[in-house]
Amino acid sequence: MADVGRPVEYTPKAIEEIRQLVYNYTTETDLPRISDFCYKNNIRKQRISEFVNAKPKEAYYNEYFSDTIKRMEEKEESKLWEMGLTIGKINTAFGLFRLKQSPFNYSDRQDITITDRPTIIEKDI
């Protein structure tokens, strides 16, 4: 049964240790994902989001985590492209699906808007 009660308060030292875990995980894993990291280290994804989006009074959370998490996302994006271009490494549909989700937000359609109507020139023949 899961522990129930007050949320855990993290000290700056504990936050740095978690940030180092994220960094090591990103370096050592071929296709790093935040959900996989959280599962393997028993940390809630919500807590990681709180660290990244911390208010100014807790700026040390944000300073450490936003760069580290961004690095993880960039490696995931790079590996998805690399594996997608290497036939047989990953399912292409899954790779495209993942790249269309946050934080990558790729799109496979073009939004074209026409603002002016063409000018029709009438000429007498």
PDB file of N, CA and C in Angstrom:
ATOM      1  N   MET A   1       0.844  -1.176   0.000  1.00  0.00           N
ATOM      2  CA  MET A   1       0.000   0.000   0.000  1.00  0.00           C
ATOM      3  C   MET A   1       0.890   1.239   0.000  1.00  0.00           C
ATOM      4  N   ALA A   2       0.497   2.235  -0.759  1.00  0.00           N
ATOM      5  CA  ALA A   2       1.292   3.452  -0.892  1.00  0.00           C
ATOM      6  C   ALA A   2       1.231   4.288   0.376  1.00  0.00           C
ATOM      7  N   ASP A   3       2.306   5.045   0.583  1.00  0.00           N
ATOM      8  CA  ASP A   3       2.336   5.964   1.714  1.00  0.00           C
ATOM      9  C   ASP A   3       1.340   7.083   1.467  1.00  0.00           C
ATOM     10  N   VAL A   4       0.614   7.458   2.491  1.00  0.00           N
ATOM     11  CA  VAL A   4      -0.369   8.521   2.385  1.00  0.00           C
ATOM     12  C   VAL A   4      -0.006   9.584   3.406  1.00  0.00           C
ATOM     13  N   GLY A   5      -0.217  10.840   3.059  1.00  0.00           N
ATOM     14  CA  GLY A   5       0.072  11.897   4.019  1.00  0.00           C
ATOM     15  C   GLY A   5       0.553  13.147   3.332  1.00  0.00           C
ATOM     16  N   ARG A   6       1.338  13.902   4.067  1.00  0.00           N
ATOM     17  CA  ARG A   6       1.840  15.162   3.540  1.00  0.00           C
ATOM     18  C   ARG A   6       2.802  14.927   2.379  1.00  0.00           C
ATOM     19  N   PRO A   7       2.835  15.892   1.451  1.00  0.00           N
ATOM     20  CA  PRO A   7       3.805  15.780   0.365  1.00  0.00           C
ATOM     21  C   PRO A   7       5.230  15.859   0.925  1.00  0.00           C
ATOM     22  N   VAL A   8       6.140  15.211   0.242  1.00  0.00           N
ATOM     23  CA  VAL A   8       7.536  15.226   0.666  1.00  0.00           C
ATOM     24  C   VAL A   8       8.124  16.598   0.382  1.00  0.00           C
ATOM     25  N   GLU A   9       8.835  17.155   1.345  1.00  0.00           N
ATOM     26  CA  GLU A   9       9.552  18.416   1.155  1.00  0.00           C
ATOM     27  C   GLU A   9      10.989  18.070   0.781  1.00  0.00           C
ATOM     28  N   TYR A  10      11.441  18.579  -0.333  1.00  0.00           N
ATOM     29  CA  TYR A  10      12.783  18.282  -0.797  1.00  0.00           C
ATOM     30  C   TYR A  10      13.740  19.409  -0.435  1.00  0.00           C
ATOM     31  N   THR A  11      14.881  19.060   0.111  1.00  0.00           N
ATOM     32  CA  THR A  11      15.923  20.032   0.420  1.00  0.00           C
ATOM     33  C   THR A  11      16.709  20.314  -0.852  1.00  0.00           C
ATOM     34  N   PRO A  12      17.424  21.423  -0.892  1.00  0.00           N
ATOM     35  CA  PRO A  12      18.252  21.691  -2.072  1.00  0.00           C
ATOM     36  C   PRO A  12      19.224  20.537  -2.371  1.00  0.00           C
ATOM     37  N   LYS A  13      19.752  19.899  -1.344  1.00  0.00           N
ATOM     38  CA  LYS A  13      20.666  18.767  -1.545  1.00  0.00           C
ATOM     39  C   LYS A  13      19.938  17.596  -2.218  1.00  0.00           C
ATOM     40  N   ALA A  14      18.723  17.290  -1.743  1.00  0.00           N
ATOM     41  CA  ALA A  14      17.939  16.201  -2.336  1.00  0.00           C
ATOM     42  C   ALA A  14      17.570  16.523  -3.781  1.00  0.00           C
ATOM     43  N   ILE A  15      17.253  17.776  -4.048  1.00  0.00           N
ATOM     44  CA  ILE A  15      16.902  18.200  -5.408  1.00  0.00           C
ATOM     45  C   ILE A  15      18.107  18.025  -6.336  1.00  0.00           C
ATOM     46  N   GLU A  16      19.280  18.393  -5.845  1.00  0.00           N
ATOM     47  CA  GLU A  16      20.494  18.213  -6.655  1.00  0.00           C
ATOM     48  C   GLU A  16      20.750  16.730  -6.910  1.00  0.00           C
ATOM     49  N   GLU A  17      20.486  15.876  -5.936  1.00  0.00           N
ATOM     50  CA  GLU A  17      20.666  14.439  -6.126  1.00  0.00           C
ATOM     51  C   GLU A  17      19.701  13.896  -7.180  1.00  0.00           C
ATOM     52  N   ILE A  18      18.467  14.379  -7.157  1.00  0.00           N
ATOM     53  CA  ILE A  18      17.474  13.952  -8.160  1.00  0.00           C
ATOM     54  C   ILE A  18      17.885  14.472  -9.538  1.00  0.00           C
ATOM     55  N   ARG A  19      18.343  15.719  -9.591  1.00  0.00           N
ATOM     56  CA  ARG A  19      18.794  16.274 -10.863  1.00  0.00           C
ATOM     57  C   ARG A  19      19.948  15.446 -11.424  1.00  0.00           C
ATOM     58  N   GLN A  20      20.849  15.018 -10.559  1.00  0.00           N
ATOM     59  CA  GLN A  20      21.974  14.193 -10.989  1.00  0.00           C
ATOM     60  C   GLN A  20      21.475  12.827 -11.484  1.00  0.00           C
ATOM     61  N   LEU A  21      20.455  12.279 -10.822  1.00  0.00           N
ATOM     62  CA  LEU A  21      19.846  11.029 -11.290  1.00  0.00           C
ATOM     63  C   LEU A  21      19.272  11.198 -12.701  1.00  0.00           C
ATOM     64  N   VAL A  22      18.583  12.331 -12.921  1.00  0.00           N
ATOM     65  CA  VAL A  22      18.010  12.619 -14.243  1.00  0.00           C
ATOM     66  C   VAL A  22      19.128  12.718 -15.274  1.00  0.00           C
ATOM     67  N   TYR A  23      20.180  13.425 -14.926  1.00  0.00           N
ATOM     68  CA  TYR A  23      21.312  13.600 -15.847  1.00  0.00           C
ATOM     69  C   TYR A  23      21.942  12.248 -16.194  1.00  0.00           C
ATOM     70  N   ASN A  24      22.194  11.437 -15.178  1.00  0.00           N
ATOM     71  CA  ASN A  24      22.798  10.120 -15.403  1.00  0.00           C
ATOM     72  C   ASN A  24      21.885   9.224 -16.235  1.00  0.00           C
ATOM     73  N   TYR A  25      20.589   9.240 -15.924  1.00  0.00           N
ATOM     74  CA  TYR A  25      19.610   8.447 -16.678  1.00  0.00           C
ATOM     75  C   TYR A  25      19.623   8.861 -18.147  1.00  0.00           C
ATOM     76  N   THR A  26      19.630  10.173 -18.400  1.00  0.00           N
ATOM     77  CA  THR A  26      19.624  10.677 -19.769  1.00  0.00           C
ATOM     78  C   THR A  26      20.876  10.239 -20.513  1.00  0.00           C
ATOM     79  N   THR A  27      22.004  10.289 -19.852  1.00  0.00           N
ATOM     80  CA  THR A  27      23.272   9.918 -20.464  1.00  0.00           C
ATOM     81  C   THR A  27      23.350   8.423 -20.752  1.00  0.00           C
ATOM     82  N   GLU A  28      22.845   7.612 -19.844  1.00  0.00           N
ATOM     83  CA  GLU A  28      23.005   6.163 -19.939  1.00  0.00           C
ATOM     84  C   GLU A  28      21.901   5.449 -20.716  1.00  0.00           C
ATOM     85  N   THR A  29      20.794   6.125 -20.999  1.00  0.00           N
ATOM     86  CA  THR A  29      19.642   5.493 -21.643  1.00  0.00           C
ATOM     87  C   THR A  29      19.582   5.883 -23.111  1.00  0.00           C
ATOM     88  N   ASP A  30      19.338   4.899 -23.973  1.00  0.00           N
ATOM     89  CA  ASP A  30      19.245   5.181 -25.404  1.00  0.00           C
ATOM     90  C   ASP A  30      18.078   6.093 -25.758  1.00  0.00           C
ATOM     91  N   LEU A  31      16.909   5.799 -25.235  1.00  0.00           N
ATOM     92  CA  LEU A  31      15.719   6.586 -25.531  1.00  0.00           C
ATOM     93  C   LEU A  31      15.098   7.037 -24.213  1.00  0.00           C
ATOM     94  N   PRO A  32      15.623   8.119 -23.624  1.00  0.00           N
ATOM     95  CA  PRO A  32      15.151   8.553 -22.305  1.00  0.00           C
ATOM     96  C   PRO A  32      13.743   9.146 -22.374  1.00  0.00           C
ATOM     97  N   ARG A  33      12.953   8.836 -21.348  1.00  0.00           N
ATOM     98  CA  ARG A  33      11.600   9.377 -21.228  1.00  0.00           C
ATOM     99  C   ARG A  33      11.356   9.740 -19.772  1.00  0.00           C
ATOM    100  N   ILE A  34      10.678  10.842 -19.559  1.00  0.00           N
ATOM    101  CA  ILE A  34      10.411  11.299 -18.192  1.00  0.00           C
ATOM    102  C   ILE A  34       9.599  10.261 -17.433  1.00  0.00           C
ATOM    103  N   SER A  35       8.587   9.686 -18.074  1.00  0.00           N
ATOM    104  CA  SER A  35       7.748   8.703 -17.388  1.00  0.00           C
ATOM    105  C   SER A  35       8.556   7.481 -16.966  1.00  0.00           C
ATOM    106  N   ASP A  36       9.467   7.033 -17.811  1.00  0.00           N
ATOM    107  CA  ASP A  36      10.313   5.887 -17.481  1.00  0.00           C
ATOM    108  C   ASP A  36      11.247   6.222 -16.321  1.00  0.00           C
ATOM    109  N   PHE A  37      11.850   7.409 -16.364  1.00  0.00           N
ATOM    110  CA  PHE A  37      12.724   7.837 -15.266  1.00  0.00           C
ATOM    111  C   PHE A  37      11.960   7.860 -13.942  1.00  0.00           C
ATOM    112  N   CYS A  38      10.779   8.459 -13.963  1.00  0.00           N
ATOM    113  CA  CYS A  38       9.981   8.579 -12.735  1.00  0.00           C
ATOM    114  C   CYS A  38       9.611   7.204 -12.190  1.00  0.00           C
ATOM    115  N   TYR A  39       9.210   6.306 -13.063  1.00  0.00           N
ATOM    116  CA  TYR A  39       8.833   4.958 -12.637  1.00  0.00           C
ATOM    117  C   TYR A  39      10.016   4.238 -11.996  1.00  0.00           C
ATOM    118  N   LYS A  40      11.165   4.285 -12.656  1.00  0.00           N
ATOM    119  CA  LYS A  40      12.338   3.569 -12.165  1.00  0.00           C
ATOM    120  C   LYS A  40      12.911   4.153 -10.869  1.00  0.00           C
ATOM    121  N   ASN A  41      12.654   5.447 -10.612  1.00  0.00           N
ATOM    122  CA  ASN A  41      13.222   6.101  -9.432  1.00  0.00           C
ATOM    123  C   ASN A  41      12.173   6.458  -8.384  1.00  0.00           C
ATOM    124  N   ASN A  42      10.938   5.981  -8.581  1.00  0.00           N
ATOM    125  CA  ASN A  42       9.850   6.206  -7.629  1.00  0.00           C
ATOM    126  C   ASN A  42       9.651   7.693  -7.305  1.00  0.00           C
ATOM    127  N   ILE A  43       9.614   8.493  -8.375  1.00  0.00           N
ATOM    128  CA  ILE A  43       9.369   9.934  -8.249  1.00  0.00           C
ATOM    129  C   ILE A  43       8.168  10.251  -9.121  1.00  0.00           C
ATOM    130  N   ARG A  44       7.251  11.052  -8.631  1.00  0.00           N
ATOM    131  CA  ARG A  44       6.064  11.412  -9.410  1.00  0.00           C
ATOM    132  C   ARG A  44       6.411  12.413 -10.503  1.00  0.00           C
ATOM    133  N   LYS A  45       5.799  12.224 -11.688  1.00  0.00           N
ATOM    134  CA  LYS A  45       5.997  13.173 -12.786  1.00  0.00           C
ATOM    135  C   LYS A  45       5.557  14.575 -12.376  1.00  0.00           C
ATOM    136  N   GLN A  46       4.520  14.651 -11.583  1.00  0.00           N
ATOM    137  CA  GLN A  46       4.033  15.945 -11.118  1.00  0.00           C
ATOM    138  C   GLN A  46       5.120  16.680 -10.336  1.00  0.00           C
ATOM    139  N   ARG A  47       5.870  15.950  -9.530  1.00  0.00           N
ATOM    140  CA  ARG A  47       6.942  16.566  -8.749  1.00  0.00           C
ATOM    141  C   ARG A  47       8.032  17.132  -9.662  1.00  0.00           C
ATOM    142  N   ILE A  48       8.368  16.393 -10.705  1.00  0.00           N
ATOM    143  CA  ILE A  48       9.362  16.885 -11.663  1.00  0.00           C
ATOM    144  C   ILE A  48       8.851  18.171 -12.313  1.00  0.00           C
ATOM    145  N   SER A  49       7.562  18.196 -12.679  1.00  0.00           N
ATOM    146  CA  SER A  49       6.974  19.404 -13.264  1.00  0.00           C
ATOM    147  C   SER A  49       7.038  20.571 -12.287  1.00  0.00           C
ATOM    148  N   GLU A  50       6.813  20.296 -11.006  1.00  0.00           N
ATOM    149  CA  GLU A  50       6.902  21.350  -9.997  1.00  0.00           C
ATOM    150  C   GLU A  50       8.320  21.902  -9.908  1.00  0.00           C
ATOM    151  N   PHE A  51       9.312  21.026  -9.997  1.00  0.00           N
ATOM    152  CA  PHE A  51      10.702  21.483  -9.963  1.00  0.00           C
ATOM    153  C   PHE A  51      11.005  22.378 -11.163  1.00  0.00           C
ATOM    154  N   VAL A  52      10.546  21.970 -12.342  1.00  0.00           N
ATOM    155  CA  VAL A  52      10.822  22.723 -13.564  1.00  0.00           C
ATOM    156  C   VAL A  52      10.106  24.065 -13.564  1.00  0.00           C
ATOM    157  N   ASN A  53       8.876  24.092 -13.067  1.00  0.00           N
ATOM    158  CA  ASN A  53       8.055  25.308 -13.115  1.00  0.00           C
ATOM    159  C   ASN A  53       8.002  26.034 -11.775  1.00  0.00           C
ATOM    160  N   ALA A  54       9.041  25.934 -10.978  1.00  0.00           N
ATOM    161  CA  ALA A  54       9.043  26.513  -9.632  1.00  0.00           C
ATOM    162  C   ALA A  54       8.934  28.038  -9.678  1.00  0.00           C
ATOM    163  N   LYS A  55       8.361  28.572  -8.619  1.00  0.00           N
ATOM    164  CA  LYS A  55       8.239  30.019  -8.469  1.00  0.00           C
ATOM    165  C   LYS A  55       9.617  30.613  -8.166  1.00  0.00           C
ATOM    166  N   PRO A  56       9.775  31.923  -8.319  1.00  0.00           N
ATOM    167  CA  PRO A  56      11.084  32.544  -8.100  1.00  0.00           C
ATOM    168  C   PRO A  56      11.719  32.244  -6.737  1.00  0.00           C
ATOM    169  N   LYS A  57      10.912  32.125  -5.677  1.00  0.00           N
ATOM    170  CA  LYS A  57      11.518  31.866  -4.368  1.00  0.00           C
ATOM    171  C   LYS A  57      12.176  30.486  -4.310  1.00  0.00           C
ATOM    172  N   GLU A  58      11.780  29.601  -5.212  1.00  0.00           N
ATOM    173  CA  GLU A  58      12.375  28.264  -5.278  1.00  0.00           C
ATOM    174  C   GLU A  58      13.142  28.129  -6.591  1.00  0.00           C
ATOM    175  N   ALA A  59      13.817  29.194  -6.992  1.00  0.00           N
ATOM    176  CA  ALA A  59      14.459  29.238  -8.306  1.00  0.00           C
ATOM    177  C   ALA A  59      15.496  28.143  -8.503  1.00  0.00           C
ATOM    178  N   TYR A  60      16.090  27.679  -7.430  1.00  0.00           N
ATOM    179  CA  TYR A  60      17.095  26.621  -7.594  1.00  0.00           C
ATOM    180  C   TYR A  60      16.473  25.362  -8.157  1.00  0.00           C
ATOM    181  N   TYR A  61      15.172  25.116  -7.893  1.00  0.00           N
ATOM    182  CA  TYR A  61      14.493  23.974  -8.525  1.00  0.00           C
ATOM    183  C   TYR A  61      14.533  24.162 -10.033  1.00  0.00           C
ATOM    184  N   ASN A  62      14.024  25.305 -10.466  1.00  0.00           N
ATOM    185  CA  ASN A  62      13.885  25.587 -11.888  1.00  0.00           C
ATOM    186  C   ASN A  62      15.233  25.604 -12.579  1.00  0.00           C
ATOM    187  N   GLU A  63      16.195  26.276 -11.990  1.00  0.00           N
ATOM    188  CA  GLU A  63      17.516  26.415 -12.594  1.00  0.00           C
ATOM    189  C   GLU A  63      18.128  25.055 -12.915  1.00  0.00           C
ATOM    190  N   TYR A  64      18.044  24.133 -11.986  1.00  0.00           N
ATOM    191  CA  TYR A  64      18.635  22.811 -12.179  1.00  0.00           C
ATOM    192  C   TYR A  64      17.804  21.950 -13.125  1.00  0.00           C
ATOM    193  N   PHE A  65      16.510  21.936 -12.917  1.00  0.00           N
ATOM    194  CA  PHE A  65      15.679  20.963 -13.624  1.00  0.00           C
ATOM    195  C   PHE A  65      15.313  21.344 -15.042  1.00  0.00           C
ATOM    196  N   SER A  66      15.074  22.602 -15.311  1.00  0.00           N
ATOM    197  CA  SER A  66      14.618  22.930 -16.660  1.00  0.00           C
ATOM    198  C   SER A  66      15.669  22.565 -17.706  1.00  0.00           C
ATOM    199  N   ASP A  67      16.939  22.856 -17.454  1.00  0.00           N
ATOM    200  CA  ASP A  67      17.982  22.484 -18.414  1.00  0.00           C
ATOM    201  C   ASP A  67      18.148  20.976 -18.505  1.00  0.00           C
ATOM    202  N   THR A  68      18.110  20.302 -17.371  1.00  0.00           N
ATOM    203  CA  THR A  68      18.306  18.853 -17.353  1.00  0.00           C
ATOM    204  C   THR A  68      17.164  18.134 -18.059  1.00  0.00           C
ATOM    205  N   ILE A  69      15.940  18.551 -17.788  1.00  0.00           N
ATOM    206  CA  ILE A  69      14.771  17.933 -18.435  1.00  0.00           C
ATOM    207  C   ILE A  69      14.758  18.267 -19.926  1.00  0.00           C
ATOM    208  N   LYS A  70      15.123  19.496 -20.283  1.00  0.00           N
ATOM    209  CA  LYS A  70      15.173  19.882 -21.691  1.00  0.00           C
ATOM    210  C   LYS A  70      16.183  19.008 -22.435  1.00  0.00           C
ATOM    211  N   ARG A  71      17.310  18.722 -21.796  1.00  0.00           N
ATOM    212  CA  ARG A  71      18.326  17.850 -22.385  1.00  0.00           C
ATOM    213  C   ARG A  71      17.747  16.454 -22.634  1.00  0.00           C
ATOM    214  N   MET A  72      16.972  15.954 -21.671  1.00  0.00           N
ATOM    215  CA  MET A  72      16.350  14.645 -21.828  1.00  0.00           C
ATOM    216  C   MET A  72      15.385  14.658 -23.017  1.00  0.00           C
ATOM    217  N   GLU A  73      14.568  15.700 -23.129  1.00  0.00           N
ATOM    218  CA  GLU A  73      13.606  15.798 -24.219  1.00  0.00           C
ATOM    219  C   GLU A  73      14.308  15.900 -25.570  1.00  0.00           C
ATOM    220  N   GLU A  74      15.406  16.663 -25.614  1.00  0.00           N
ATOM    221  CA  GLU A  74      16.139  16.806 -26.864  1.00  0.00           C
ATOM    222  C   GLU A  74      16.777  15.484 -27.293  1.00  0.00           C
ATOM    223  N   LYS A  75      17.281  14.726 -26.338  1.00  0.00           N
ATOM    224  CA  LYS A  75      17.862  13.422 -26.679  1.00  0.00           C
ATOM    225  C   LYS A  75      16.771  12.470 -27.160  1.00  0.00           C
ATOM    226  N   GLU A  76      15.600  12.502 -26.501  1.00  0.00           N
ATOM    227  CA  GLU A  76      14.494  11.651 -26.943  1.00  0.00           C
ATOM    228  C   GLU A  76      14.109  11.995 -28.380  1.00  0.00           C
ATOM    229  N   GLU A  77      13.980  13.278 -28.684  1.00  0.00           N
ATOM    230  CA  GLU A  77      13.615  13.719 -30.024  1.00  0.00           C
ATOM    231  C   GLU A  77      14.666  13.267 -31.044  1.00  0.00           C
ATOM    232  N   SER A  78      15.921  13.468 -30.718  1.00  0.00           N
ATOM    233  CA  SER A  78      17.007  13.080 -31.607  1.00  0.00           C
ATOM    234  C   SER A  78      17.001  11.573 -31.865  1.00  0.00           C
ATOM    235  N   LYS A  79      16.821  10.796 -30.819  1.00  0.00           N
ATOM    236  CA  LYS A  79      16.819   9.337 -30.956  1.00  0.00           C
ATOM    237  C   LYS A  79      15.609   8.852 -31.744  1.00  0.00           C
ATOM    238  N   LEU A  80      14.448   9.498 -31.556  1.00  0.00           N
ATOM    239  CA  LEU A  80      13.266   9.116 -32.329  1.00  0.00           C
ATOM    240  C   LEU A  80      13.519   9.329 -33.822  1.00  0.00           C
ATOM    241  N   TRP A  81      14.123  10.460 -34.162  1.00  0.00           N
ATOM    242  CA  TRP A  81      14.445  10.725 -35.565  1.00  0.00           C
ATOM    243  C   TRP A  81      15.457   9.706 -36.071  1.00  0.00           C
ATOM    244  N   GLU A  82      16.510   9.488 -35.296  1.00  0.00           N
ATOM    245  CA  GLU A  82      17.561   8.556 -35.703  1.00  0.00           C
ATOM    246  C   GLU A  82      17.001   7.147 -35.892  1.00  0.00           C
ATOM    247  N   MET A  83      16.201   6.686 -34.941  1.00  0.00           N
ATOM    248  CA  MET A  83      15.634   5.343 -35.016  1.00  0.00           C
ATOM    249  C   MET A  83      14.576   5.244 -36.106  1.00  0.00           C
ATOM    250  N   GLY A  84      13.860   6.326 -36.345  1.00  0.00           N
ATOM    251  CA  GLY A  84      12.847   6.338 -37.385  1.00  0.00           C
ATOM    252  C   GLY A  84      13.453   6.272 -38.776  1.00  0.00           C
ATOM    253  N   LEU A  85      14.641   6.870 -38.929  1.00  0.00           N
ATOM    254  CA  LEU A  85      15.315   6.852 -40.223  1.00  0.00           C
ATOM    255  C   LEU A  85      16.031   5.528 -40.477  1.00  0.00           C
ATOM    256  N   THR A  86      16.301   4.785 -39.412  1.00  0.00           N
ATOM    257  CA  THR A  86      16.919   3.477 -39.543  1.00  0.00           C
ATOM    258  C   THR A  86      15.802   2.443 -39.580  1.00  0.00           C
ATOM    259  N   ILE A  87      15.534   1.905 -40.730  1.00  0.00           N
ATOM    260  CA  ILE A  87      14.397   1.005 -40.914  1.00  0.00           C
ATOM    261  C   ILE A  87      14.487  -0.181 -39.955  1.00  0.00           C
ATOM    262  N   GLY A  88      13.372  -0.417 -39.264  1.00  0.00           N
ATOM    263  CA  GLY A  88      13.289  -1.562 -38.376  1.00  0.00           C
ATOM    264  C   GLY A  88      13.631  -1.271 -36.930  1.00  0.00           C
ATOM    265  N   LYS A  89      14.184  -0.094 -36.632  1.00  0.00           N
ATOM    266  CA  LYS A  89      14.545   0.217 -35.244  1.00  0.00           C
ATOM    267  C   LYS A  89      13.301   0.464 -34.388  1.00  0.00           C
ATOM    268  N   ILE A  90      12.374   1.284 -34.888  1.00  0.00           N
ATOM    269  CA  ILE A  90      11.107   1.519 -34.188  1.00  0.00           C
ATOM    270  C   ILE A  90       9.994   1.543 -35.229  1.00  0.00           C
ATOM    271  N   ASN A  91       8.781   1.356 -34.753  1.00  0.00           N
ATOM    272  CA  ASN A  91       7.609   1.440 -35.611  1.00  0.00           C
ATOM    273  C   ASN A  91       7.446   2.897 -36.041  1.00  0.00           C
ATOM    274  N   THR A  92       7.422   3.127 -37.346  1.00  0.00           N
ATOM    275  CA  THR A  92       7.349   4.485 -37.881  1.00  0.00           C
ATOM    276  C   THR A  92       6.107   5.222 -37.397  1.00  0.00           C
ATOM    277  N   ALA A  93       4.975   4.533 -37.367  1.00  0.00           N
ATOM    278  CA  ALA A  93       3.739   5.179 -36.911  1.00  0.00           C
ATOM    279  C   ALA A  93       3.873   5.637 -35.462  1.00  0.00           C
ATOM    280  N   PHE A  94       4.488   4.804 -34.624  1.00  0.00           N
ATOM    281  CA  PHE A  94       4.686   5.198 -33.228  1.00  0.00           C
ATOM    282  C   PHE A  94       5.634   6.391 -33.131  1.00  0.00           C
ATOM    283  N   GLY A  95       6.732   6.362 -33.885  1.00  0.00           N
ATOM    284  CA  GLY A  95       7.682   7.472 -33.860  1.00  0.00           C
ATOM    285  C   GLY A  95       7.021   8.785 -34.253  1.00  0.00           C
ATOM    286  N   LEU A  96       6.230   8.759 -35.327  1.00  0.00           N
ATOM    287  CA  LEU A  96       5.518   9.968 -35.754  1.00  0.00           C
ATOM    288  C   LEU A  96       4.494  10.400 -34.718  1.00  0.00           C
ATOM    289  N   PHE A  97       3.779   9.426 -34.157  1.00  0.00           N
ATOM    290  CA  PHE A  97       2.792   9.736 -33.116  1.00  0.00           C
ATOM    291  C   PHE A  97       3.458  10.449 -31.943  1.00  0.00           C
ATOM    292  N   ARG A  98       4.592   9.925 -31.490  1.00  0.00           N
ATOM    293  CA  ARG A  98       5.288  10.515 -30.340  1.00  0.00           C
ATOM    294  C   ARG A  98       5.800  11.917 -30.654  1.00  0.00           C
ATOM    295  N   LEU A  99       6.306  12.128 -31.863  1.00  0.00           N
ATOM    296  CA  LEU A  99       6.818  13.447 -32.223  1.00  0.00           C
ATOM    297  C   LEU A  99       5.705  14.496 -32.356  1.00  0.00           C
ATOM    298  N   LYS A 100       4.469  14.040 -32.561  1.00  0.00           N
ATOM    299  CA  LYS A 100       3.346  14.978 -32.646  1.00  0.00           C
ATOM    300  C   LYS A 100       2.841  15.390 -31.271  1.00  0.00           C
ATOM    301  N   GLN A 101       3.291  14.698 -30.229  1.00  0.00           N
ATOM    302  CA  GLN A 101       2.863  15.021 -28.871  1.00  0.00           C
ATOM    303  C   GLN A 101       3.801  16.046 -28.248  1.00  0.00           C
ATOM    304  N   SER A 102       3.361  16.579 -27.116  1.00  0.00           N
ATOM    305  CA  SER A 102       4.185  17.514 -26.356  1.00  0.00           C
ATOM    306  C   SER A 102       5.411  16.781 -25.845  1.00  0.00           C
ATOM    307  N   PRO A 103       6.556  17.339 -25.795  1.00  0.00           N
ATOM    308  CA  PRO A 103       6.931  18.728 -26.034  1.00  0.00           C
ATOM    309  C   PRO A 103       7.341  19.015 -27.471  1.00  0.00           C
ATOM    310  N   PHE A 104       7.260  18.019 -28.385  1.00  0.00           N
ATOM    311  CA  PHE A 104       7.784  18.198 -29.735  1.00  0.00           C
ATOM    312  C   PHE A 104       6.813  18.925 -30.661  1.00  0.00           C
ATOM    313  N   ASN A 105       5.536  18.547 -30.616  1.00  0.00           N
ATOM    314  CA  ASN A 105       4.454  19.207 -31.362  1.00  0.00           C
ATOM    315  C   ASN A 105       4.709  19.329 -32.863  1.00  0.00           C
ATOM    316  N   TYR A 106       5.244  18.271 -33.466  1.00  0.00           N
ATOM    317  CA  TYR A 106       5.404  18.263 -34.913  1.00  0.00           C
ATOM    318  C   TYR A 106       4.026  18.177 -35.559  1.00  0.00           C
ATOM    319  N   SER A 107       3.938  18.641 -36.805  1.00  0.00           N
ATOM    320  CA  SER A 107       2.678  18.586 -37.537  1.00  0.00           C
ATOM    321  C   SER A 107       2.962  18.068 -38.940  1.00  0.00           C
ATOM    322  N   ASP A 108       2.050  17.270 -39.465  1.00  0.00           N
ATOM    323  CA  ASP A 108       2.237  16.760 -40.819  1.00  0.00           C
ATOM    324  C   ASP A 108       1.272  17.405 -41.807  1.00  0.00           C
ATOM    325  N   ARG A 109       0.697  18.506 -41.428  1.00  0.00           N
ATOM    326  CA  ARG A 109      -0.167  19.220 -42.355  1.00  0.00           C
ATOM    327  C   ARG A 109       0.239  20.677 -42.385  1.00  0.00           C
ATOM    328  N   GLN A 110      -0.121  21.325 -43.453  1.00  0.00           N
ATOM    329  CA  GLN A 110       0.202  22.730 -43.601  1.00  0.00           C
ATOM    330  C   GLN A 110      -1.071  23.541 -43.444  1.00  0.00           C
ATOM    331  N   ASP A 111      -0.979  24.611 -42.702  1.00  0.00           N
ATOM    332  CA  ASP A 111      -2.091  25.534 -42.577  1.00  0.00           C
ATOM    333  C   ASP A 111      -1.833  26.690 -43.543  1.00  0.00           C
ATOM    334  N   ILE A 112      -2.629  26.740 -44.598  1.00  0.00           N
ATOM    335  CA  ILE A 112      -2.468  27.785 -45.608  1.00  0.00           C
ATOM    336  C   ILE A 112      -3.714  28.644 -45.589  1.00  0.00           C
ATOM    337  N   THR A 113      -3.501  29.935 -45.454  1.00  0.00           N
ATOM    338  CA  THR A 113      -4.627  30.865 -45.503  1.00  0.00           C
ATOM    339  C   THR A 113      -4.388  31.860 -46.626  1.00  0.00           C
ATOM    340  N   ILE A 114      -5.447  32.158 -47.318  1.00  0.00           N
ATOM    341  CA  ILE A 114      -5.376  33.131 -48.409  1.00  0.00           C
ATOM    342  C   ILE A 114      -6.048  34.398 -47.904  1.00  0.00           C
ATOM    343  N   THR A 115      -5.300  35.490 -47.916  1.00  0.00           N
ATOM    344  CA  THR A 115      -5.833  36.726 -47.363  1.00  0.00           C
ATOM    345  C   THR A 115      -6.445  37.642 -48.416  1.00  0.00           C
ATOM    346  N   ASP A 116      -5.935  37.617 -49.635  1.00  0.00           N
ATOM    347  CA  ASP A 116      -6.458  38.484 -50.690  1.00  0.00           C
ATOM    348  C   ASP A 116      -7.032  37.645 -51.811  1.00  0.00           C
ATOM    349  N   ARG A 117      -8.067  38.189 -52.399  1.00  0.00           N
ATOM    350  CA  ARG A 117      -8.620  37.535 -53.581  1.00  0.00           C
ATOM    351  C   ARG A 117      -7.781  37.948 -54.785  1.00  0.00           C
ATOM    352  N   PRO A 118      -7.666  37.064 -55.747  1.00  0.00           N
ATOM    353  CA  PRO A 118      -6.886  37.434 -56.934  1.00  0.00           C
ATOM    354  C   PRO A 118      -7.588  38.543 -57.717  1.00  0.00           C
ATOM    355  N   THR A 119      -6.799  39.381 -58.320  1.00  0.00           N
ATOM    356  CA  THR A 119      -7.338  40.469 -59.129  1.00  0.00           C
ATOM    357  C   THR A 119      -7.631  39.935 -60.525  1.00  0.00           C
ATOM    358  N   ILE A 120      -8.859  40.136 -60.958  1.00  0.00           N
ATOM    359  CA  ILE A 120      -9.256  39.675 -62.291  1.00  0.00           C
ATOM    360  C   ILE A 120      -9.209  40.867 -63.230  1.00  0.00           C
ATOM    361  N   ILE A 121      -8.445  40.741 -64.254  1.00  0.00           N
ATOM    362  CA  ILE A 121      -8.318  41.806 -65.230  1.00  0.00           C
ATOM    363  C   ILE A 121      -9.142  41.416 -66.452  1.00  0.00           C
ATOM    364  N   GLU A 122     -10.091  42.267 -66.768  1.00  0.00           N
ATOM    365  CA  GLU A 122     -10.904  42.016 -67.950  1.00  0.00           C
ATOM    366  C   GLU A 122     -10.300  42.762 -69.135  1.00  0.00           C
ATOM    367  N   LYS A 123     -10.209  42.066 -70.208  1.00  0.00           N
ATOM    368  CA  LYS A 123      -9.608  42.660 -71.391  1.00  0.00           C
ATOM    369  C   LYS A 123     -10.546  42.476 -72.577  1.00  0.00           C
ATOM    370  N   ASP A 124     -10.759  43.535 -73.288  1.00  0.00           N
ATOM    371  CA  ASP A 124     -11.601  43.452 -74.482  1.00  0.00           C
ATOM    372  C   ASP A 124     -10.774  42.873 -75.625  1.00  0.00           C
ATOM    373  N   ILE A 125     -11.356  41.947 -76.296  1.00  0.00           N
ATOM    374  CA  ILE A 125     -10.663  41.348 -77.434  1.00  0.00           C
ATOM    375  C   ILE A 125     -11.338  41.767 -78.717  1.00  0.00           C
TER     376      ILE A 125
END
